[in-house]
C-alpha atoms as a PDB file:
ATOM      1  CA  MET A   1    -101.095-158.714 -75.036  1.00  0.00           C
ATOM      2  CA  ALA A   2     -98.081-156.523 -75.803  1.00  0.00           C
ATOM      3  CA  TYR A   3     -98.205-152.717 -75.788  1.00  0.00           C
ATOM      4  CA  PHE A   4     -96.519-150.496 -78.366  1.00  0.00           C
ATOM      5  CA  PRO A   5     -94.475-147.728 -76.659  1.00  0.00           C
ATOM      6  CA  PHE A   6     -96.000-144.511 -78.000  1.00  0.00           C
ATOM      7  CA  PHE A   7     -94.633-141.294 -76.499  1.00  0.00           C
ATOM      8  CA  HIS A   8     -97.578-138.912 -76.266  1.00  0.00           C
ATOM      9  CA  GLU A   9     -97.444-135.139 -75.833  1.00  0.00           C
ATOM     10  CA  LEU A  10     -99.348-134.309 -72.629  1.00  0.00           C
ATOM     11  CA  ASP A  11     -99.129-130.521 -72.735  1.00  0.00           C
ATOM     12  CA  ASN A  12    -102.605-129.106 -71.925  1.00  0.00           C
ATOM     13  CA  LYS A  13    -104.194-132.564 -72.066  1.00  0.00           C
ATOM     14  CA  ASN A  14    -106.983-133.184 -69.553  1.00  0.00           C
ATOM     15  CA  ILE A  15    -106.076-136.126 -67.312  1.00  0.00           C
ATOM     16  CA  ILE A  16    -108.839-137.272 -64.974  1.00  0.00           C
ATOM     17  CA  ILE A  17    -107.905-139.493 -62.046  1.00  0.00           C
ATOM     18  CA  ILE A  18    -110.736-141.209 -60.200  1.00  0.00           C
ATOM     19  CA  GLY A  19    -109.551-141.999 -56.685  1.00  0.00           C
ATOM     20  CA  GLY A  20    -107.566-140.072 -54.125  1.00  0.00           C
ATOM     21  CA  GLY A  21    -105.411-142.617 -52.292  1.00  0.00           C
ATOM     22  CA  ASN A  22    -101.851-143.907 -52.495  1.00  0.00           C
ATOM     23  CA  ILE A  23    -102.237-145.398 -55.967  1.00  0.00           C
ATOM     24  CA  ALA A  24    -103.594-142.130 -57.339  1.00  0.00           C
ATOM     25  CA  LEU A  25    -100.685-140.303 -55.698  1.00  0.00           C
ATOM     26  CA  GLU A  26     -98.182-142.630 -57.376  1.00  0.00           C
ATOM     27  CA  LYS A  27     -99.719-141.956 -60.813  1.00  0.00           C
ATOM     28  CA  ILE A  28     -99.747-138.205 -60.166  1.00  0.00           C
ATOM     29  CA  GLU A  29     -96.058-138.256 -59.253  1.00  0.00           C
ATOM     30  CA  ARG A  30     -95.286-139.897 -62.584  1.00  0.00           C
ATOM     31  CA  LEU A  31     -97.366-137.399 -64.555  1.00  0.00           C
ATOM     32  CA  THR A  32     -96.310-134.214 -62.769  1.00  0.00           C
ATOM     33  CA  GLY A  33     -94.141-131.823 -64.741  1.00  0.00           C
ATOM     34  CA  LEU A  34     -95.241-133.002 -68.190  1.00  0.00           C
ATOM     35  CA  GLY A  35     -97.733-130.206 -68.865  1.00  0.00           C
ATOM     36  CA  GLY A  36    -100.956-132.157 -68.409  1.00  0.00           C
ATOM     37  CA  LYS A  37    -103.957-130.720 -66.565  1.00  0.00           C
ATOM     38  CA  ILE A  38    -104.526-133.216 -63.768  1.00  0.00           C
ATOM     39  CA  LYS A  39    -107.896-133.405 -62.020  1.00  0.00           C
ATOM     40  CA  VAL A  40    -108.544-135.776 -59.120  1.00  0.00           C
ATOM     41  CA  ILE A  41    -112.082-136.805 -58.174  1.00  0.00           C
ATOM     42  CA  ALA A  42    -112.778-138.814 -55.015  1.00  0.00           C
ATOM     43  CA  PRO A  43    -114.836-138.678 -51.801  1.00  0.00           C
ATOM     44  CA  GLU A  44    -111.562-138.581 -49.835  1.00  0.00           C
ATOM     45  CA  ILE A  45    -108.263-137.216 -51.141  1.00  0.00           C
ATOM     46  CA  LYS A  46    -104.865-137.638 -49.517  1.00  0.00           C
ATOM     47  CA  LYS A  47    -103.259-134.506 -48.130  1.00  0.00           C
ATOM     48  CA  GLU A  48    -100.214-134.968 -50.391  1.00  0.00           C
ATOM     49  CA  ILE A  49    -102.528-134.780 -53.418  1.00  0.00           C
ATOM     50  CA  SER A  50    -104.750-131.933 -52.242  1.00  0.00           C
ATOM     51  CA  GLU A  51    -101.726-129.787 -51.392  1.00  0.00           C
ATOM     52  CA  ALA A  52    -100.116-130.233 -54.832  1.00  0.00           C
ATOM     53  CA  SER A  53    -100.187-126.867 -56.586  1.00  0.00           C
ATOM     54  CA  ASP A  54    -100.636-128.299 -60.080  1.00  0.00           C
ATOM     55  CA  VAL A  55    -103.481-130.712 -59.307  1.00  0.00           C
ATOM     56  CA  GLU A  56    -107.166-129.785 -59.234  1.00  0.00           C
ATOM     57  CA  CYS A  57    -109.061-131.726 -56.555  1.00  0.00           C
ATOM     58  CA  ILE A  58    -112.806-132.264 -56.401  1.00  0.00           C
ATOM     59  CA  VAL A  59    -114.093-133.988 -53.283  1.00  0.00           C
ATOM     60  CA  LYS A  60    -117.135-135.989 -54.412  1.00  0.00           C
ATOM     61  CA  ARG A  61    -118.213-139.402 -55.547  1.00  0.00           C
ATOM     62  CA  PHE A  62    -117.658-140.238 -59.191  1.00  0.00           C
ATOM     63  CA  ALA A  63    -120.446-139.408 -61.643  1.00  0.00           C
ATOM     64  CA  PRO A  64    -120.521-140.159 -65.395  1.00  0.00           C
ATOM     65  CA  GLU A  65    -120.281-136.470 -66.337  1.00  0.00           C
ATOM     66  CA  ASP A  66    -116.899-136.265 -64.571  1.00  0.00           C
ATOM     67  CA  ILE A  67    -115.088-137.658 -67.607  1.00  0.00           C
ATOM     68  CA  SER A  68    -116.531-135.064 -69.952  1.00  0.00           C
ATOM     69  CA  GLY A  69    -113.693-133.438 -71.879  1.00  0.00           C
ATOM     70  CA  ALA A  70    -111.106-135.933 -70.657  1.00  0.00           C
ATOM     71  CA  ASP A  71    -108.205-136.905 -72.901  1.00  0.00           C
ATOM     72  CA  PHE A  72    -107.055-139.689 -70.566  1.00  0.00           C
ATOM     73  CA  VAL A  73    -108.730-141.313 -67.569  1.00  0.00           C
ATOM     74  CA  ILE A  74    -107.131-143.275 -64.746  1.00  0.00           C
ATOM     75  CA  SER A  75    -109.355-145.212 -62.384  1.00  0.00           C
ATOM     76  CA  ALA A  76    -107.525-145.810 -59.109  1.00  0.00           C
ATOM     77  CA  THR A  77    -110.425-146.393 -56.741  1.00  0.00           C
ATOM     78  CA  GLY A  78    -109.839-150.017 -55.736  1.00  0.00           C
ATOM     79  CA  ASP A  79    -113.620-150.405 -56.036  1.00  0.00           C
ATOM     80  CA  GLU A  80    -114.454-152.936 -58.757  1.00  0.00           C
ATOM     81  CA  THR A  81    -117.955-151.543 -59.281  1.00  0.00           C
ATOM     82  CA  VAL A  82    -116.744-147.976 -59.817  1.00  0.00           C
ATOM     83  CA  ASP A  83    -113.817-149.166 -61.933  1.00  0.00           C
ATOM     84  CA  LYS A  84    -116.174-151.060 -64.247  1.00  0.00           C
ATOM     85  CA  ILE A  85    -118.464-148.045 -64.621  1.00  0.00           C
ATOM     86  CA  VAL A  86    -115.488-145.819 -65.464  1.00  0.00           C
ATOM     87  CA  PHE A  87    -114.107-148.359 -67.936  1.00  0.00           C
ATOM     88  CA  ASP A  88    -117.435-148.873 -69.716  1.00  0.00           C
ATOM     89  CA  LEU A  89    -118.038-145.121 -69.989  1.00  0.00           C
ATOM     90  CA  CYS A  90    -114.578-144.476 -71.383  1.00  0.00           C
ATOM     91  CA  ARG A  91    -114.944-147.247 -73.941  1.00  0.00           C
ATOM     92  CA  GLU A  92    -118.316-145.830 -74.965  1.00  0.00           C
ATOM     93  CA  LYS A  93    -116.864-142.316 -75.358  1.00  0.00           C
ATOM     94  CA  LYS A  94    -113.580-143.613 -76.889  1.00  0.00           C
ATOM     95  CA  VAL A  95    -111.464-142.036 -74.149  1.00  0.00           C
ATOM     96  CA  PRO A  96    -108.207-143.915 -73.364  1.00  0.00           C
ATOM     97  CA  VAL A  97    -108.487-145.409 -69.871  1.00  0.00           C
ATOM     98  CA  ASN A  98    -106.231-147.138 -67.384  1.00  0.00           C
ATOM     99  CA  VAL A  99    -107.922-149.123 -64.630  1.00  0.00           C
ATOM    100  CA  VAL A 100    -105.109-149.690 -62.161  1.00  0.00           C
ATOM    101  CA  ASP A 101    -104.088-153.345 -61.686  1.00  0.00           C
ATOM    102  CA  LYS A 102    -106.658-154.502 -64.263  1.00  0.00           C
ATOM    103  CA  LYS A 103    -104.606-155.370 -67.328  1.00  0.00           C
ATOM    104  CA  ASP A 104    -107.680-156.242 -69.404  1.00  0.00           C
ATOM    105  CA  LYS A 105    -109.126-152.786 -68.699  1.00  0.00           C
ATOM    106  CA  CYS A 106    -106.152-150.697 -69.804  1.00  0.00           C
ATOM    107  CA  ASP A 107    -105.813-148.892 -73.123  1.00  0.00           C
ATOM    108  CA  PHE A 108    -102.450-147.614 -71.897  1.00  0.00           C
ATOM    109  CA  ILE A 109    -100.104-148.609 -69.095  1.00  0.00           C
ATOM    110  CA  PHE A 110     -97.383-146.953 -67.038  1.00  0.00           C
ATOM    111  CA  PRO A 111     -93.897-148.275 -67.783  1.00  0.00           C
ATOM    112  CA  SER A 112     -90.977-148.075 -65.398  1.00  0.00           C
ATOM    113  CA  VAL A 113     -89.561-144.720 -66.467  1.00  0.00           C
ATOM    114  CA  ILE A 114     -86.200-142.962 -66.530  1.00  0.00           C
ATOM    115  CA  ARG A 115     -86.558-139.191 -66.944  1.00  0.00           C
ATOM    116  CA  ARG A 116     -83.607-136.866 -67.470  1.00  0.00           C
ATOM    117  CA  LYS A 117     -85.112-133.704 -68.946  1.00  0.00           C
ATOM    118  CA  ASN A 118     -85.446-134.552 -72.682  1.00  0.00           C
ATOM    119  CA  LEU A 119     -84.319-138.133 -72.201  1.00  0.00           C
ATOM    120  CA  VAL A 120     -87.247-140.419 -71.461  1.00  0.00           C
ATOM    121  CA  ILE A 121     -86.844-144.192 -71.375  1.00  0.00           C
ATOM    122  CA  GLY A 122     -89.751-146.489 -70.610  1.00  0.00           C
ATOM    123  CA  VAL A 123     -89.377-150.181 -69.780  1.00  0.00           C
ATOM    124  CA  SER A 124     -92.441-152.388 -69.728  1.00  0.00           C
ATOM    125  CA  SER A 125     -93.225-156.071 -69.410  1.00  0.00           C
ATOM    126  CA  SER A 126     -96.757-155.348 -70.715  1.00  0.00           C
ATOM    127  CA  GLY A 127     -98.017-155.958 -67.208  1.00  0.00           C
ATOM    128  CA  SER A 128     -96.512-159.448 -66.884  1.00  0.00           C
ATOM    129  CA  SER A 129     -94.019-158.502 -64.172  1.00  0.00           C
ATOM    130  CA  PRO A 130     -93.548-154.889 -63.016  1.00  0.00           C
ATOM    131  CA  GLN A 131     -90.630-156.116 -60.879  1.00  0.00           C
ATOM    132  CA  VAL A 132     -88.724-157.225 -63.987  1.00  0.00           C
ATOM    133  CA  ALA A 133     -89.366-153.864 -65.644  1.00  0.00           C
ATOM    134  CA  ILE A 134     -88.089-152.036 -62.550  1.00  0.00           C
ATOM    135  CA  LYS A 135     -84.957-154.207 -62.367  1.00  0.00           C
ATOM    136  CA  LEU A 136     -84.130-153.644 -66.036  1.00  0.00           C
ATOM    137  CA  ARG A 137     -84.814-149.920 -65.704  1.00  0.00           C
ATOM    138  CA  LYS A 138     -82.287-149.711 -62.858  1.00  0.00           C
ATOM    139  CA  GLU A 139     -79.683-151.560 -64.934  1.00  0.00           C
ATOM    140  CA  ILE A 140     -80.227-149.225 -67.890  1.00  0.00           C
ATOM    141  CA  GLU A 141     -80.044-146.217 -65.586  1.00  0.00           C
ATOM    142  CA  GLU A 142     -76.515-147.179 -64.566  1.00  0.00           C
ATOM    143  CA  LEU A 143     -75.404-146.925 -68.219  1.00  0.00           C
ATOM    144  CA  ILE A 144     -76.527-143.311 -68.616  1.00  0.00           C
ATOM    145  CA  PRO A 145     -73.855-140.600 -68.217  1.00  0.00           C
ATOM    146  CA  GLU A 146     -74.481-138.278 -65.283  1.00  0.00           C
ATOM    147  CA  ASN A 147     -74.259-135.271 -67.599  1.00  0.00           C
ATOM    148  CA  ILE A 148     -76.701-136.694 -70.172  1.00  0.00           C
ATOM    149  CA  GLU A 149     -78.851-133.539 -70.011  1.00  0.00           C
ATOM    150  CA  ASP A 150     -75.882-131.359 -71.025  1.00  0.00           C
ATOM    151  CA  ILE A 151     -74.970-133.799 -73.795  1.00  0.00           C
ATOM    152  CA  LEU A 152     -78.507-133.816 -75.207  1.00  0.00           C
ATOM    153  CA  ASP A 153     -78.740-130.016 -75.064  1.00  0.00           C
ATOM    154  CA  TYR A 154     -75.428-129.809 -76.932  1.00  0.00           C
ATOM    155  CA  LEU A 155     -76.435-132.319 -79.606  1.00  0.00           C
ATOM    156  CA  ASP A 156     -79.789-130.616 -80.036  1.00  0.00           C
ATOM    157  CA  GLY A 157     -78.020-127.322 -80.700  1.00  0.00           C
ATOM    158  CA  LEU A 158     -75.625-129.050 -83.084  1.00  0.00           C
ATOM    159  CA  ARG A 159     -78.320-130.265 -85.482  1.00  0.00           C
ATOM    160  CA  PRO A 160     -79.313-126.910 -87.050  1.00  0.00           C
ATOM    161  CA  VAL A 161     -75.655-125.870 -87.358  1.00  0.00           C
ATOM    162  CA  VAL A 162     -74.714-129.078 -89.166  1.00  0.00           C
ATOM    163  CA  ARG A 163     -77.831-128.781 -91.323  1.00  0.00           C
ATOM    164  CA  GLN A 164     -76.727-125.302 -92.366  1.00  0.00           C
ATOM    165  CA  LYS A 165     -73.081-126.246 -93.021  1.00  0.00           C
ATOM    166  CA  VAL A 166     -73.554-129.663 -94.681  1.00  0.00           C
ATOM    167  CA  SER A 167     -75.947-129.988 -97.614  1.00  0.00           C
ATOM    168  CA  ASP A 168     -75.605-133.732 -98.209  1.00  0.00           C
ATOM    169  CA  PRO A 169     -78.110-135.509 -95.883  1.00  0.00           C
ATOM    170  CA  HIS A 170     -76.079-138.732 -95.899  1.00  0.00           C
ATOM    171  CA  ARG A 171     -72.921-136.956 -94.697  1.00  0.00           C
ATOM    172  CA  ARG A 172     -74.990-134.950 -92.239  1.00  0.00           C
ATOM    173  CA  HIS A 173     -76.309-138.153 -90.706  1.00  0.00           C
ATOM    174  CA  LYS A 174     -72.789-139.570 -90.369  1.00  0.00           C
ATOM    175  CA  ILE A 175     -71.495-136.389 -88.719  1.00  0.00           C
ATOM    176  CA  LEU A 176     -74.309-136.252 -86.188  1.00  0.00           C
ATOM    177  CA  LYS A 177     -73.934-139.950 -85.418  1.00  0.00           C
ATOM    178  CA  LYS A 178     -70.182-139.533 -84.905  1.00  0.00           C
ATOM    179  CA  ALA A 179     -70.794-136.565 -82.599  1.00  0.00           C
ATOM    180  CA  ALA A 180     -73.304-138.557 -80.568  1.00  0.00           C
ATOM    181  CA  ASP A 181     -70.915-141.520 -80.333  1.00  0.00           C
ATOM    182  CA  ILE A 182     -68.090-139.348 -78.999  1.00  0.00           C
ATOM    183  CA  CYS A 183     -70.328-137.537 -76.520  1.00  0.00           C
ATOM    184  CA  LEU A 184     -71.810-140.752 -75.124  1.00  0.00           C
ATOM    185  CA  ASN A 185     -68.628-142.816 -75.109  1.00  0.00           C
ATOM    186  CA  GLU A 186     -66.590-140.093 -73.422  1.00  0.00           C
ATOM    187  CA  SER A 187     -69.404-138.479 -71.376  1.00  0.00           C
ATOM    188  CA  ARG A 188     -68.644-134.995 -72.624  1.00  0.00           C
ATOM    189  CA  VAL A 189     -69.448-132.468 -75.329  1.00  0.00           C
ATOM    190  CA  LEU A 190     -67.107-131.653 -78.190  1.00  0.00           C
ATOM    191  CA  SER A 191     -64.620-128.819 -78.091  1.00  0.00           C
ATOM    192  CA  GLU A 192     -65.006-126.130 -80.751  1.00  0.00           C
ATOM    193  CA  ASP A 193     -61.936-127.436 -82.594  1.00  0.00           C
ATOM    194  CA  GLU A 194     -63.354-130.968 -82.557  1.00  0.00           C
ATOM    195  CA  PHE A 195     -66.629-129.738 -83.961  1.00  0.00           C
ATOM    196  CA  TRP A 196     -65.023-127.936 -86.922  1.00  0.00           C
ATOM    197  CA  GLU A 197     -62.850-130.964 -87.594  1.00  0.00           C
ATOM    198  CA  LEU A 198     -65.921-133.162 -87.512  1.00  0.00           C
ATOM    199  CA  LEU A 199     -67.559-131.130 -90.276  1.00  0.00           C
ATOM    200  CA  ASN A 200     -64.991-132.675 -92.646  1.00  0.00           C
ATOM    201  CA  TYR A 201     -65.777-136.208 -91.477  1.00  0.00           C
ATOM    202  CA  GLU A 202     -66.575-138.553 -94.358  1.00  0.00           C
ATOM    203  CA  GLY A 203     -67.253-141.739 -92.353  1.00  0.00           C
END
């Protein structure tokens, strides 16, 4: 089964993680900094998780009511019985769930991710081989300019200016594409003179 790569806004979403060990920690590290409200529920929780300032920890055994209000659930217990209970409850309540290392019990999966501020690239083998996804992610990472964050900030600021100066959407598209090509190929932003010259670009 292949997965379609949706990019979902996590700001203020309730993410419940069942389990407090190394696997839970790895998922938390991937989700941290994206605005989600992360809650961890487990009888024992690693120190690295409990000391995280942006993670709510509840030391207890899982109970069905724990997924109330959840937008996403991750079951990282390593206990097949608990994982099945969590999966069945989430399916019943139509809450997207990921049971770690159980491909047939995942509504969503974690790709191998490159994050550079606004640039987010996910590589997935749909669970067939995480090692292949990691290898390809590393190869892609080497192609990204070190100053990609500055380039993206610049291009983001360019869009409203070009929209204001150029009324024809077809020309506007060509200008923005040309700007992006120069910035990526030369790993830099445009000078002011280059920008004004580019406004006359016909393609």
